[in-house]
Structure formats: structure tokens, C-alpha cells
Amino acid sequence: MAGDMSHLISILILIHTIQKKQSAKGISMKTQILYAVVFITRYLDLLTFSFVSVYNTLMKIFFIASSIYAIVLLKKYSKEIKADLDNFPIHYLIIPSFVLSLIFNYKFSFLEILWSFSLWLESVAILPQLFLLQSEGESELLTIHYIFALGIYRALYIPNWLYRYFSEGRFDALSVTTGLIQTLVYSDFFYVYYKKVLKNGLFSLPH
């Protein structure tokens, strides 16, 4: 629940930041596109009417709708997105993620492969945003808080995995592996966030 709420907060911060500033400055369109792909491929089971709970269904719909809405907002202010800085080649993330999903999955079926693909892709989807942040050297605090909340969301799943392993004997190797990769991708950002924001209230990255 804490992980889900952190994820929810990160998206609300992103949308609030864009709407309040009426600006797309410092936000990677490519990362938002990747997240839209992640949510759409992961939650295609909505079309099969596979019901778990009202909470589960509403969260799935929210993540898909909000990711698409974020792209629409960014498109509105796309003139402010520096294409020369937001230039991470995302096919280097999409293709390997798809190949890994064909190799590592719990069942070689359409929905299971897409679910696995969404996990692998999500683990690295933030990279274009981090590279943009690195290229600019500094960013708005709200943007930084958005990235931090997004990183914390997956990190908070780690204690849940440990609890379920020791209490239920359940171990989801794919979720754990991709979740750890995602947390490691954020590790340097977390360190800088602690030093620059929590201690000093400022944020800048060394080039």
C-alpha cells in the first residue's frame, strides 16, 4: 500500500508540476512514453475482465489514464522540451526488455510475456529522465520530488517481498529481480537527493 501510494503521489506531483508551471521544462517525454507502454502492457488483463478487487481495478485504470494524460500535457508544452537533451535512445531499453520477456516469464503466453516485458521495461524507464536531469545539471524541486517518489515506490516493495517470502513462502523472482534493478538505477539519485535536498534544500548534479 505504501509503495502504491508513493507511486500515486509521484504521478500527482508530475501532473501538478506541469499544470502549475504550464511548462514541460525538465520533464522527459521519452520516460513518460515508456511508462505509458509499461502500464498498458501490464494491465491488458482489464480487457479479460480478470477481477481482483475494486482497489486493484481502479489503480490499474488510474495508472493507464494518468500516464496518457501526462503525455498529452507534455505535448501541449512540447516546445519547451529540449529535444537535444531529451535524446536517450529508448529502443536500447525497449528491445532488450522484450527479448528478456521472451526468455524470462512464468508462461509463454501473450499476456504473460507482456507482463514480464512491462516489469523489465519499468526497471529502466526512468533512465531518459535521469539522463535529462544530468544534462541540465539542475531542475525544479517539484520535478526532483516526483523522481524521488517514483523511486521510493519500487523500493518500498522490497520489505513486502521479504515478508511474503518468510510468512507465505512465496518468491516472485521476476518482480524481485526487476525491482532490485530499478532500485539500483535510482541509487545514485537517492544519494544526491539526500545530500542536496534533505540536507541543504538545493538540487544540482555534477556534470
N, C-alpha and C. Protein backbone atom coordinates (compact mmCIF):
# COMPACT_ATOMS: atom_id res chain seq x y z
N MET A 1 0.83 -1.21 0.00
CA MET A 1 0.00 0.00 0.00
C MET A 1 0.87 1.26 0.00
N ALA A 2 1.94 1.24 0.82
CA ALA A 2 2.84 2.40 0.88
C ALA A 2 3.51 2.62 -0.48
N GLY A 3 3.90 1.51 -1.13
CA GLY A 3 4.50 1.62 -2.46
C GLY A 3 3.52 2.19 -3.47
N ASP A 4 2.29 1.70 -3.43
CA ASP A 4 1.26 2.19 -4.35
C ASP A 4 0.97 3.68 -4.12
N MET A 5 0.91 4.08 -2.85
CA MET A 5 0.64 5.48 -2.53
C MET A 5 1.79 6.38 -2.98
N SER A 6 3.02 5.89 -2.84
CA SER A 6 4.18 6.65 -3.30
C SER A 6 4.13 6.82 -4.82
N HIS A 7 3.72 5.74 -5.50
CA HIS A 7 3.57 5.79 -6.96
C HIS A 7 2.49 6.79 -7.36
N LEU A 8 1.37 6.72 -6.65
CA LEU A 8 0.26 7.63 -6.90
C LEU A 8 0.69 9.09 -6.69
N ILE A 9 1.39 9.34 -5.60
CA ILE A 9 1.86 10.69 -5.28
C ILE A 9 2.82 11.20 -6.35
N SER A 10 3.70 10.31 -6.84
CA SER A 10 4.68 10.73 -7.85
C SER A 10 3.97 11.23 -9.12
N ILE A 11 2.91 10.53 -9.52
CA ILE A 11 2.17 10.92 -10.72
C ILE A 11 1.42 12.23 -10.49
N LEU A 12 0.82 12.38 -9.30
CA LEU A 12 0.11 13.62 -8.98
C LEU A 12 1.07 14.81 -8.94
N ILE A 13 2.28 14.59 -8.41
CA ILE A 13 3.30 15.65 -8.39
C ILE A 13 3.65 16.05 -9.82
N LEU A 14 3.84 15.04 -10.68
CA LEU A 14 4.20 15.32 -12.07
C LEU A 14 3.13 16.16 -12.76
N ILE A 15 1.88 15.72 -12.68
CA ILE A 15 0.79 16.43 -13.34
C ILE A 15 0.61 17.82 -12.75
N HIS A 16 0.70 17.93 -11.42
CA HIS A 16 0.58 19.23 -10.75
C HIS A 16 1.69 20.17 -11.20
N THR A 17 2.90 19.64 -11.31
CA THR A 17 4.05 20.46 -11.71
C THR A 17 3.85 21.04 -13.10
N ILE A 18 3.43 20.20 -14.04
CA ILE A 18 3.23 20.65 -15.42
C ILE A 18 2.11 21.68 -15.50
N GLN A 19 0.99 21.40 -14.81
CA GLN A 19 -0.16 22.30 -14.86
C GLN A 19 0.14 23.63 -14.17
N LYS A 20 0.79 23.57 -13.01
CA LYS A 20 1.06 24.79 -12.26
C LYS A 20 2.05 25.69 -12.99
N LYS A 21 3.12 25.08 -13.50
CA LYS A 21 4.16 25.85 -14.19
C LYS A 21 3.77 26.15 -15.64
N GLN A 22 2.77 25.41 -16.14
CA GLN A 22 2.42 25.46 -17.56
C GLN A 22 3.68 25.33 -18.40
N SER A 23 4.46 24.36 -17.99
CA SER A 23 5.76 24.16 -18.60
C SER A 23 6.14 22.69 -18.58
N ALA A 24 6.86 22.26 -19.60
CA ALA A 24 7.36 20.89 -19.67
C ALA A 24 8.86 20.85 -19.43
N LYS A 25 9.41 21.95 -18.99
CA LYS A 25 10.84 22.05 -18.78
C LYS A 25 11.32 21.04 -17.74
N GLY A 26 12.35 20.30 -18.08
CA GLY A 26 12.95 19.35 -17.15
C GLY A 26 12.28 18.00 -17.09
N ILE A 27 11.18 17.82 -17.83
CA ILE A 27 10.46 16.54 -17.85
C ILE A 27 10.77 15.80 -19.15
N SER A 28 11.14 14.55 -19.02
CA SER A 28 11.46 13.74 -20.20
C SER A 28 10.20 13.14 -20.80
N MET A 29 9.90 13.54 -22.03
CA MET A 29 8.77 12.96 -22.75
C MET A 29 9.00 11.47 -22.97
N LYS A 30 10.25 11.09 -23.21
CA LYS A 30 10.56 9.69 -23.51
C LYS A 30 10.29 8.79 -22.31
N THR A 31 10.61 9.25 -21.12
CA THR A 31 10.30 8.47 -19.93
C THR A 31 8.80 8.30 -19.76
N GLN A 32 8.03 9.35 -20.01
CA GLN A 32 6.58 9.27 -19.88
C GLN A 32 5.97 8.32 -20.91
N ILE A 33 6.52 8.30 -22.10
CA ILE A 33 6.06 7.36 -23.13
C ILE A 33 6.35 5.92 -22.69
N LEU A 34 7.53 5.71 -22.13
CA LEU A 34 7.90 4.37 -21.66
C LEU A 34 6.96 3.91 -20.55
N TYR A 35 6.61 4.82 -19.64
CA TYR A 35 5.70 4.43 -18.56
C TYR A 35 4.30 4.13 -19.09
N ALA A 36 3.87 4.85 -20.10
CA ALA A 36 2.57 4.55 -20.71
C ALA A 36 2.59 3.15 -21.31
N VAL A 37 3.69 2.80 -21.97
CA VAL A 37 3.83 1.46 -22.54
C VAL A 37 3.82 0.41 -21.43
N VAL A 38 4.51 0.72 -20.33
CA VAL A 38 4.57 -0.20 -19.18
C VAL A 38 3.17 -0.50 -18.65
N PHE A 39 2.39 0.54 -18.40
CA PHE A 39 1.07 0.35 -17.79
C PHE A 39 0.09 -0.32 -18.75
N ILE A 40 0.15 0.05 -20.02
CA ILE A 40 -0.77 -0.54 -20.99
C ILE A 40 -0.50 -2.03 -21.17
N THR A 41 0.78 -2.40 -21.29
CA THR A 41 1.12 -3.81 -21.48
C THR A 41 0.89 -4.63 -20.21
N ARG A 42 1.07 -4.01 -19.04
CA ARG A 42 0.90 -4.74 -17.79
C ARG A 42 -0.58 -4.98 -17.46
N TYR A 43 -1.42 -4.02 -17.81
CA TYR A 43 -2.81 -4.09 -17.36
C TYR A 43 -3.79 -4.41 -18.48
N LEU A 44 -3.30 -5.10 -19.50
CA LEU A 44 -4.20 -5.55 -20.57
C LEU A 44 -5.20 -6.57 -20.05
N ASP A 45 -4.92 -7.14 -18.86
CA ASP A 45 -5.86 -8.11 -18.30
C ASP A 45 -7.19 -7.46 -17.95
N LEU A 46 -7.24 -6.12 -17.96
CA LEU A 46 -8.52 -5.43 -17.78
C LEU A 46 -9.51 -5.82 -18.87
N LEU A 47 -8.98 -6.10 -20.06
CA LEU A 47 -9.83 -6.46 -21.19
C LEU A 47 -10.39 -7.88 -21.04
N THR A 48 -9.76 -8.67 -20.19
CA THR A 48 -10.24 -10.04 -19.97
C THR A 48 -11.21 -10.11 -18.79
N PHE A 49 -11.46 -8.93 -18.20
CA PHE A 49 -12.36 -8.84 -17.05
C PHE A 49 -11.91 -9.74 -15.90
N SER A 50 -10.56 -9.78 -15.73
CA SER A 50 -9.99 -10.54 -14.63
C SER A 50 -10.05 -9.69 -13.37
N PHE A 51 -11.10 -9.87 -12.59
CA PHE A 51 -11.35 -9.00 -11.43
C PHE A 51 -10.66 -9.52 -10.18
N VAL A 52 -9.90 -8.64 -9.51
CA VAL A 52 -9.25 -8.98 -8.25
C VAL A 52 -9.94 -8.24 -7.10
N SER A 53 -10.05 -6.92 -7.26
CA SER A 53 -10.73 -6.09 -6.26
C SER A 53 -11.03 -4.74 -6.90
N VAL A 54 -11.91 -3.98 -6.29
CA VAL A 54 -12.22 -2.64 -6.79
C VAL A 54 -10.97 -1.77 -6.75
N TYR A 55 -10.23 -1.86 -5.64
CA TYR A 55 -8.98 -1.10 -5.48
C TYR A 55 -8.02 -1.41 -6.62
N ASN A 56 -7.81 -2.70 -6.88
CA ASN A 56 -6.89 -3.14 -7.92
C ASN A 56 -7.29 -2.60 -9.29
N THR A 57 -8.57 -2.71 -9.60
CA THR A 57 -9.07 -2.26 -10.90
C THR A 57 -8.95 -0.75 -11.06
N LEU A 58 -9.31 0.00 -10.02
CA LEU A 58 -9.24 1.46 -10.08
C LEU A 58 -7.80 1.94 -10.23
N MET A 59 -6.87 1.29 -9.53
CA MET A 59 -5.47 1.68 -9.63
C MET A 59 -4.93 1.42 -11.04
N LYS A 60 -5.30 0.31 -11.62
CA LYS A 60 -4.87 -0.01 -12.98
C LYS A 60 -5.37 1.05 -13.97
N ILE A 61 -6.65 1.39 -13.86
CA ILE A 61 -7.24 2.39 -14.75
C ILE A 61 -6.56 3.74 -14.54
N PHE A 62 -6.31 4.08 -13.27
CA PHE A 62 -5.68 5.37 -12.96
C PHE A 62 -4.28 5.46 -13.58
N PHE A 63 -3.48 4.42 -13.43
CA PHE A 63 -2.11 4.47 -13.94
C PHE A 63 -2.07 4.57 -15.46
N ILE A 64 -2.96 3.86 -16.12
CA ILE A 64 -3.01 3.96 -17.59
C ILE A 64 -3.46 5.36 -18.02
N ALA A 65 -4.57 5.82 -17.43
CA ALA A 65 -5.15 7.12 -17.81
C ALA A 65 -4.20 8.28 -17.48
N SER A 66 -3.58 8.24 -16.29
CA SER A 66 -2.71 9.34 -15.88
C SER A 66 -1.43 9.40 -16.71
N SER A 67 -0.91 8.24 -17.12
CA SER A 67 0.29 8.25 -17.95
C SER A 67 0.00 8.84 -19.33
N ILE A 68 -1.17 8.52 -19.87
CA ILE A 68 -1.56 9.08 -21.17
C ILE A 68 -1.82 10.58 -21.03
N TYR A 69 -2.47 10.97 -19.92
CA TYR A 69 -2.75 12.39 -19.68
C TYR A 69 -1.46 13.19 -19.54
N ALA A 70 -0.45 12.60 -18.88
CA ALA A 70 0.84 13.29 -18.73
C ALA A 70 1.48 13.54 -20.09
N ILE A 71 1.36 12.58 -20.99
CA ILE A 71 1.91 12.75 -22.33
C ILE A 71 1.18 13.86 -23.08
N VAL A 72 -0.16 13.91 -22.92
CA VAL A 72 -0.96 14.96 -23.56
C VAL A 72 -0.52 16.33 -23.05
N LEU A 73 -0.31 16.44 -21.74
CA LEU A 73 0.14 17.72 -21.16
C LEU A 73 1.53 18.10 -21.68
N LEU A 74 2.41 17.13 -21.73
CA LEU A 74 3.77 17.39 -22.22
C LEU A 74 3.74 17.81 -23.69
N LYS A 75 2.86 17.17 -24.44
CA LYS A 75 2.72 17.52 -25.86
C LYS A 75 2.27 18.97 -26.01
N LYS A 76 1.41 19.40 -25.10
CA LYS A 76 0.90 20.77 -25.13
C LYS A 76 2.01 21.79 -24.96
N TYR A 77 3.00 21.44 -24.14
CA TYR A 77 4.12 22.35 -23.89
C TYR A 77 5.42 21.81 -24.48
N SER A 78 5.29 21.04 -25.55
CA SER A 78 6.44 20.35 -26.13
C SER A 78 7.52 21.29 -26.65
N LYS A 79 7.16 22.55 -26.94
CA LYS A 79 8.16 23.49 -27.43
C LYS A 79 9.25 23.74 -26.40
N GLU A 80 8.90 23.51 -25.11
CA GLU A 80 9.86 23.76 -24.05
C GLU A 80 10.71 22.53 -23.73
N ILE A 81 10.41 21.41 -24.36
CA ILE A 81 11.22 20.21 -24.15
C ILE A 81 12.43 20.29 -25.08
N LYS A 82 13.59 20.27 -24.51
CA LYS A 82 14.81 20.37 -25.29
C LYS A 82 15.12 19.02 -25.91
N ALA A 83 14.78 18.90 -27.19
CA ALA A 83 14.96 17.62 -27.88
C ALA A 83 16.42 17.19 -27.91
N ASP A 84 17.32 18.17 -27.94
CA ASP A 84 18.74 17.83 -27.99
C ASP A 84 19.23 17.26 -26.66
N LEU A 85 18.50 17.53 -25.56
CA LEU A 85 18.87 16.99 -24.26
C LEU A 85 18.07 15.71 -23.94
N ASP A 86 16.80 15.70 -24.31
CA ASP A 86 15.97 14.52 -24.11
C ASP A 86 16.17 13.58 -25.29
N ASN A 87 17.39 13.06 -25.40
CA ASN A 87 17.76 12.32 -26.61
C ASN A 87 18.21 10.89 -26.33
N PHE A 88 17.78 10.35 -25.18
CA PHE A 88 18.17 8.98 -24.86
C PHE A 88 17.53 8.02 -25.87
N PRO A 89 18.32 7.13 -26.47
CA PRO A 89 17.77 6.18 -27.47
C PRO A 89 16.96 5.08 -26.79
N ILE A 90 15.64 5.27 -26.71
CA ILE A 90 14.82 4.35 -25.91
C ILE A 90 14.68 2.95 -26.53
N HIS A 91 15.04 2.81 -27.80
CA HIS A 91 14.99 1.47 -28.38
C HIS A 91 16.02 0.56 -27.72
N TYR A 92 17.06 1.17 -27.11
CA TYR A 92 18.04 0.39 -26.36
C TYR A 92 17.44 -0.18 -25.07
N LEU A 93 16.31 0.35 -24.66
CA LEU A 93 15.62 -0.15 -23.48
C LEU A 93 14.48 -1.09 -23.86
N ILE A 94 13.75 -0.72 -24.93
CA ILE A 94 12.57 -1.50 -25.33
C ILE A 94 12.95 -2.87 -25.88
N ILE A 95 13.92 -2.91 -26.79
CA ILE A 95 14.27 -4.18 -27.43
C ILE A 95 14.83 -5.20 -26.44
N PRO A 96 15.84 -4.84 -25.61
CA PRO A 96 16.33 -5.82 -24.63
C PRO A 96 15.24 -6.27 -23.65
N SER A 97 14.36 -5.34 -23.26
CA SER A 97 13.28 -5.70 -22.33
C SER A 97 12.36 -6.74 -22.96
N PHE A 98 12.08 -6.58 -24.24
CA PHE A 98 11.22 -7.55 -24.92
C PHE A 98 11.90 -8.90 -25.06
N VAL A 99 13.19 -8.88 -25.39
CA VAL A 99 13.95 -10.13 -25.52
C VAL A 99 13.98 -10.87 -24.17
N LEU A 100 14.23 -10.13 -23.10
CA LEU A 100 14.25 -10.73 -21.76
C LEU A 100 12.89 -11.31 -21.38
N SER A 101 11.82 -10.63 -21.83
CA SER A 101 10.47 -11.13 -21.50
C SER A 101 10.18 -12.45 -22.22
N LEU A 102 10.80 -12.65 -23.37
CA LEU A 102 10.62 -13.92 -24.09
C LEU A 102 11.38 -15.05 -23.41
N ILE A 103 12.46 -14.68 -22.72
CA ILE A 103 13.29 -15.69 -22.05
C ILE A 103 12.80 -15.96 -20.63
N PHE A 104 12.50 -14.87 -19.91
CA PHE A 104 12.10 -14.99 -18.51
C PHE A 104 10.62 -14.63 -18.35
N ASN A 105 9.81 -15.65 -18.22
CA ASN A 105 8.38 -15.45 -17.99
C ASN A 105 7.85 -16.71 -17.30
N TYR A 106 6.67 -16.59 -16.71
CA TYR A 106 6.11 -17.73 -16.00
C TYR A 106 5.25 -18.62 -16.91
N LYS A 107 4.93 -18.08 -18.07
CA LYS A 107 4.16 -18.86 -19.03
C LYS A 107 4.31 -18.20 -20.39
N PHE A 108 4.59 -19.02 -21.42
CA PHE A 108 4.80 -18.44 -22.75
C PHE A 108 3.46 -18.18 -23.43
N SER A 109 2.79 -17.15 -22.90
CA SER A 109 1.51 -16.73 -23.48
C SER A 109 1.56 -15.22 -23.69
N PHE A 110 0.64 -14.71 -24.48
CA PHE A 110 0.64 -13.30 -24.86
C PHE A 110 0.64 -12.38 -23.65
N LEU A 111 -0.32 -12.56 -22.74
CA LEU A 111 -0.44 -11.67 -21.59
C LEU A 111 0.72 -11.82 -20.62
N GLU A 112 1.22 -13.04 -20.43
CA GLU A 112 2.33 -13.27 -19.51
C GLU A 112 3.63 -12.66 -20.04
N ILE A 113 3.84 -12.74 -21.34
CA ILE A 113 5.03 -12.14 -21.95
C ILE A 113 4.96 -10.62 -21.83
N LEU A 114 3.78 -10.06 -22.08
CA LEU A 114 3.63 -8.61 -21.94
C LEU A 114 3.81 -8.17 -20.49
N TRP A 115 3.32 -8.98 -19.56
CA TRP A 115 3.51 -8.65 -18.13
C TRP A 115 4.99 -8.65 -17.78
N SER A 116 5.72 -9.67 -18.24
CA SER A 116 7.16 -9.73 -18.00
C SER A 116 7.86 -8.55 -18.67
N PHE A 117 7.47 -8.24 -19.90
CA PHE A 117 8.04 -7.10 -20.63
C PHE A 117 7.85 -5.81 -19.85
N SER A 118 6.67 -5.62 -19.27
CA SER A 118 6.39 -4.39 -18.52
C SER A 118 7.30 -4.26 -17.30
N LEU A 119 7.61 -5.38 -16.65
CA LEU A 119 8.49 -5.36 -15.49
C LEU A 119 9.91 -4.97 -15.88
N TRP A 120 10.43 -5.60 -16.93
CA TRP A 120 11.79 -5.29 -17.38
C TRP A 120 11.88 -3.85 -17.85
N LEU A 121 10.88 -3.40 -18.60
CA LEU A 121 10.92 -2.03 -19.12
C LEU A 121 10.79 -1.01 -17.98
N GLU A 122 9.93 -1.29 -17.01
CA GLU A 122 9.76 -0.35 -15.90
C GLU A 122 11.04 -0.18 -15.11
N SER A 123 11.84 -1.24 -15.03
CA SER A 123 13.07 -1.18 -14.23
C SER A 123 14.06 -0.15 -14.78
N VAL A 124 13.93 0.20 -16.06
CA VAL A 124 14.88 1.14 -16.67
C VAL A 124 14.19 2.35 -17.30
N ALA A 125 12.86 2.46 -17.16
CA ALA A 125 12.11 3.53 -17.84
C ALA A 125 12.50 4.93 -17.39
N ILE A 126 13.05 5.06 -16.18
CA ILE A 126 13.41 6.37 -15.65
C ILE A 126 14.73 6.88 -16.24
N LEU A 127 15.48 6.04 -16.92
CA LEU A 127 16.81 6.44 -17.41
C LEU A 127 16.79 7.69 -18.29
N PRO A 128 15.86 7.83 -19.26
CA PRO A 128 15.84 9.08 -20.04
C PRO A 128 15.66 10.31 -19.16
N GLN A 129 14.83 10.20 -18.11
CA GLN A 129 14.63 11.33 -17.19
C GLN A 129 15.89 11.64 -16.40
N LEU A 130 16.58 10.61 -15.94
CA LEU A 130 17.82 10.81 -15.18
C LEU A 130 18.91 11.39 -16.08
N PHE A 131 18.97 10.94 -17.33
CA PHE A 131 19.96 11.49 -18.26
C PHE A 131 19.65 12.94 -18.59
N LEU A 132 18.37 13.27 -18.71
CA LEU A 132 17.98 14.67 -18.95
C LEU A 132 18.37 15.53 -17.76
N LEU A 133 18.12 15.02 -16.57
CA LEU A 133 18.49 15.73 -15.36
C LEU A 133 19.99 15.95 -15.30
N GLN A 134 20.75 14.93 -15.66
CA GLN A 134 22.21 15.03 -15.68
C GLN A 134 22.67 16.05 -16.71
N SER A 135 22.01 16.08 -17.86
CA SER A 135 22.40 17.00 -18.94
C SER A 135 22.15 18.45 -18.55
N GLU A 136 21.01 18.69 -17.87
CA GLU A 136 20.68 20.05 -17.47
C GLU A 136 21.45 20.50 -16.24
N GLY A 137 21.85 19.53 -15.41
CA GLY A 137 22.65 19.85 -14.24
C GLY A 137 21.86 20.29 -13.03
N GLU A 138 20.63 20.76 -13.23
CA GLU A 138 19.77 21.16 -12.13
C GLU A 138 18.32 21.10 -12.60
N SER A 139 17.40 21.16 -11.65
CA SER A 139 16.00 21.06 -12.02
C SER A 139 15.13 21.64 -10.92
N GLU A 140 13.84 21.84 -11.26
CA GLU A 140 12.88 22.33 -10.27
C GLU A 140 12.72 21.30 -9.16
N LEU A 141 12.52 21.78 -7.93
CA LEU A 141 12.38 20.87 -6.79
C LEU A 141 11.19 19.94 -6.94
N LEU A 142 10.08 20.44 -7.51
CA LEU A 142 8.91 19.59 -7.68
C LEU A 142 9.23 18.42 -8.61
N THR A 143 10.02 18.68 -9.65
CA THR A 143 10.43 17.61 -10.56
C THR A 143 11.29 16.59 -9.83
N ILE A 144 12.17 17.09 -8.97
CA ILE A 144 13.04 16.21 -8.20
C ILE A 144 12.22 15.36 -7.23
N HIS A 145 11.22 15.96 -6.60
CA HIS A 145 10.37 15.21 -5.68
C HIS A 145 9.58 14.13 -6.43
N TYR A 146 9.18 14.44 -7.65
CA TYR A 146 8.48 13.46 -8.48
C TYR A 146 9.37 12.24 -8.72
N ILE A 147 10.62 12.47 -9.10
CA ILE A 147 11.55 11.37 -9.37
C ILE A 147 11.81 10.57 -8.09
N PHE A 148 11.95 11.27 -6.97
CA PHE A 148 12.22 10.61 -5.69
C PHE A 148 11.04 9.71 -5.30
N ALA A 149 9.82 10.24 -5.38
CA ALA A 149 8.63 9.46 -5.01
C ALA A 149 8.49 8.24 -5.92
N LEU A 150 8.84 8.41 -7.19
CA LEU A 150 8.76 7.31 -8.15
C LEU A 150 9.78 6.22 -7.80
N GLY A 151 10.96 6.64 -7.35
CA GLY A 151 11.98 5.67 -6.96
C GLY A 151 11.63 4.95 -5.68
N ILE A 152 11.07 5.68 -4.72
CA ILE A 152 10.70 5.09 -3.44
C ILE A 152 9.60 4.05 -3.61
N TYR A 153 8.73 4.28 -4.59
CA TYR A 153 7.60 3.36 -4.82
C TYR A 153 8.08 1.92 -4.98
N ARG A 154 9.09 1.70 -5.79
CA ARG A 154 9.55 0.33 -6.01
C ARG A 154 10.39 -0.17 -4.85
N ALA A 155 11.16 0.74 -4.24
CA ALA A 155 11.99 0.35 -3.10
C ALA A 155 11.12 -0.16 -1.95
N LEU A 156 9.92 0.42 -1.80
CA LEU A 156 9.02 0.02 -0.72
C LEU A 156 8.44 -1.38 -0.92
N TYR A 157 8.58 -1.90 -2.14
CA TYR A 157 8.11 -3.25 -2.37
C TYR A 157 9.06 -4.29 -1.79
N ILE A 158 10.32 -3.92 -1.55
CA ILE A 158 11.33 -4.87 -1.08
C ILE A 158 10.93 -5.49 0.26
N PRO A 159 10.56 -4.68 1.29
CA PRO A 159 10.13 -5.32 2.54
C PRO A 159 8.89 -6.19 2.37
N ASN A 160 8.02 -5.84 1.42
CA ASN A 160 6.83 -6.66 1.15
C ASN A 160 7.25 -8.03 0.60
N TRP A 161 8.23 -8.04 -0.29
CA TRP A 161 8.72 -9.31 -0.84
C TRP A 161 9.33 -10.17 0.26
N LEU A 162 10.10 -9.54 1.15
CA LEU A 162 10.72 -10.27 2.25
C LEU A 162 9.65 -10.86 3.17
N TYR A 163 8.64 -10.05 3.48
CA TYR A 163 7.56 -10.50 4.36
C TYR A 163 6.83 -11.70 3.75
N ARG A 164 6.51 -11.61 2.47
CA ARG A 164 5.75 -12.68 1.82
C ARG A 164 6.59 -13.95 1.70
N TYR A 165 7.91 -13.76 1.54
CA TYR A 165 8.77 -14.94 1.45
C TYR A 165 8.82 -15.70 2.78
N PHE A 166 9.00 -14.94 3.87
CA PHE A 166 9.14 -15.59 5.17
C PHE A 166 7.80 -16.01 5.78
N SER A 167 6.72 -15.30 5.45
CA SER A 167 5.43 -15.64 6.04
C SER A 167 4.60 -16.59 5.18
N GLU A 168 4.78 -16.48 3.83
CA GLU A 168 3.96 -17.30 2.93
C GLU A 168 4.79 -18.27 2.09
N GLY A 169 6.12 -18.12 2.13
CA GLY A 169 6.98 -18.96 1.31
C GLY A 169 6.87 -18.63 -0.16
N ARG A 170 6.39 -17.42 -0.45
CA ARG A 170 6.20 -17.01 -1.85
C ARG A 170 7.35 -16.13 -2.31
N PHE A 171 7.90 -16.44 -3.48
CA PHE A 171 9.01 -15.66 -4.03
C PHE A 171 8.79 -15.43 -5.52
N ASP A 172 8.49 -14.19 -5.88
CA ASP A 172 8.25 -13.83 -7.28
C ASP A 172 9.58 -13.35 -7.86
N ALA A 173 10.33 -14.25 -8.49
CA ALA A 173 11.69 -13.96 -8.94
C ALA A 173 11.73 -12.81 -9.93
N LEU A 174 10.77 -12.74 -10.84
CA LEU A 174 10.76 -11.68 -11.85
C LEU A 174 10.55 -10.31 -11.22
N SER A 175 9.56 -10.20 -10.35
CA SER A 175 9.27 -8.93 -9.71
C SER A 175 10.44 -8.48 -8.83
N VAL A 176 11.02 -9.42 -8.09
CA VAL A 176 12.13 -9.08 -7.21
C VAL A 176 13.35 -8.64 -8.01
N THR A 177 13.69 -9.40 -9.05
CA THR A 177 14.87 -9.07 -9.86
C THR A 177 14.73 -7.71 -10.52
N THR A 178 13.60 -7.48 -11.18
CA THR A 178 13.42 -6.19 -11.87
C THR A 178 13.27 -5.05 -10.87
N GLY A 179 12.66 -5.33 -9.71
CA GLY A 179 12.53 -4.31 -8.69
C GLY A 179 13.87 -3.89 -8.12
N LEU A 180 14.77 -4.86 -7.92
CA LEU A 180 16.12 -4.55 -7.43
C LEU A 180 16.91 -3.76 -8.47
N ILE A 181 16.75 -4.13 -9.75
CA ILE A 181 17.42 -3.38 -10.81
C ILE A 181 16.94 -1.93 -10.81
N GLN A 182 15.62 -1.76 -10.69
CA GLN A 182 15.05 -0.41 -10.68
C GLN A 182 15.57 0.40 -9.49
N THR A 183 15.67 -0.23 -8.33
CA THR A 183 16.17 0.46 -7.14
C THR A 183 17.64 0.83 -7.32
N LEU A 184 18.43 -0.05 -7.93
CA LEU A 184 19.85 0.24 -8.18
C LEU A 184 20.01 1.39 -9.16
N VAL A 185 19.12 1.45 -10.16
CA VAL A 185 19.17 2.55 -11.13
C VAL A 185 19.00 3.89 -10.42
N TYR A 186 18.17 3.89 -9.38
CA TYR A 186 17.90 5.12 -8.61
C TYR A 186 18.94 5.40 -7.53
N SER A 187 19.81 4.45 -7.23
CA SER A 187 20.66 4.54 -6.05
C SER A 187 21.50 5.81 -6.01
N ASP A 188 22.12 6.17 -7.13
CA ASP A 188 22.94 7.38 -7.15
C ASP A 188 22.08 8.62 -6.96
N PHE A 189 20.88 8.61 -7.57
CA PHE A 189 19.96 9.74 -7.41
C PHE A 189 19.53 9.89 -5.96
N PHE A 190 19.24 8.77 -5.28
CA PHE A 190 18.85 8.82 -3.87
C PHE A 190 19.94 9.48 -3.02
N TYR A 191 21.19 9.13 -3.31
CA TYR A 191 22.32 9.67 -2.55
C TYR A 191 22.42 11.18 -2.75
N VAL A 192 22.33 11.61 -4.01
CA VAL A 192 22.40 13.04 -4.30
C VAL A 192 21.20 13.77 -3.72
N TYR A 193 20.02 13.14 -3.79
CA TYR A 193 18.80 13.74 -3.23
C TYR A 193 18.97 14.00 -1.73
N TYR A 194 19.54 13.01 -1.04
CA TYR A 194 19.76 13.16 0.41
C TYR A 194 20.72 14.31 0.69
N LYS A 195 21.81 14.38 -0.06
CA LYS A 195 22.82 15.40 0.20
C LYS A 195 22.34 16.79 -0.18
N LYS A 196 21.71 16.90 -1.35
CA LYS A 196 21.38 18.21 -1.89
C LYS A 196 20.03 18.75 -1.41
N VAL A 197 19.05 17.88 -1.25
CA VAL A 197 17.69 18.33 -0.91
C VAL A 197 17.42 18.22 0.59
N LEU A 198 17.56 17.02 1.13
CA LEU A 198 17.21 16.82 2.53
C LEU A 198 18.13 17.59 3.47
N LYS A 199 19.40 17.71 3.10
CA LYS A 199 20.35 18.40 3.98
C LYS A 199 20.48 19.88 3.68
N ASN A 200 20.38 20.24 2.40
CA ASN A 200 20.64 21.63 2.02
C ASN A 200 19.47 22.34 1.36
N GLY A 201 18.43 21.58 0.96
CA GLY A 201 17.28 22.21 0.31
C GLY A 201 17.56 22.70 -1.09
N LEU A 202 18.64 22.21 -1.69
CA LEU A 202 19.01 22.59 -3.07
C LEU A 202 19.19 21.33 -3.87
N PHE A 203 19.21 21.50 -5.18
CA PHE A 203 19.48 20.31 -6.00
C PHE A 203 20.24 20.70 -7.26
N SER A 204 21.36 20.06 -7.44
CA SER A 204 22.12 20.17 -8.69
C SER A 204 22.95 18.92 -8.83
N LEU A 205 23.21 18.54 -10.04
CA LEU A 205 24.01 17.35 -10.29
C LEU A 205 25.32 17.74 -10.95
N PRO A 206 26.40 17.08 -10.57
CA PRO A 206 27.68 17.35 -11.24
C PRO A 206 27.66 16.81 -12.65
N HIS A 207 28.20 17.57 -13.59
CA HIS A 207 28.24 17.11 -14.99
C HIS A 207 29.35 16.08 -15.15
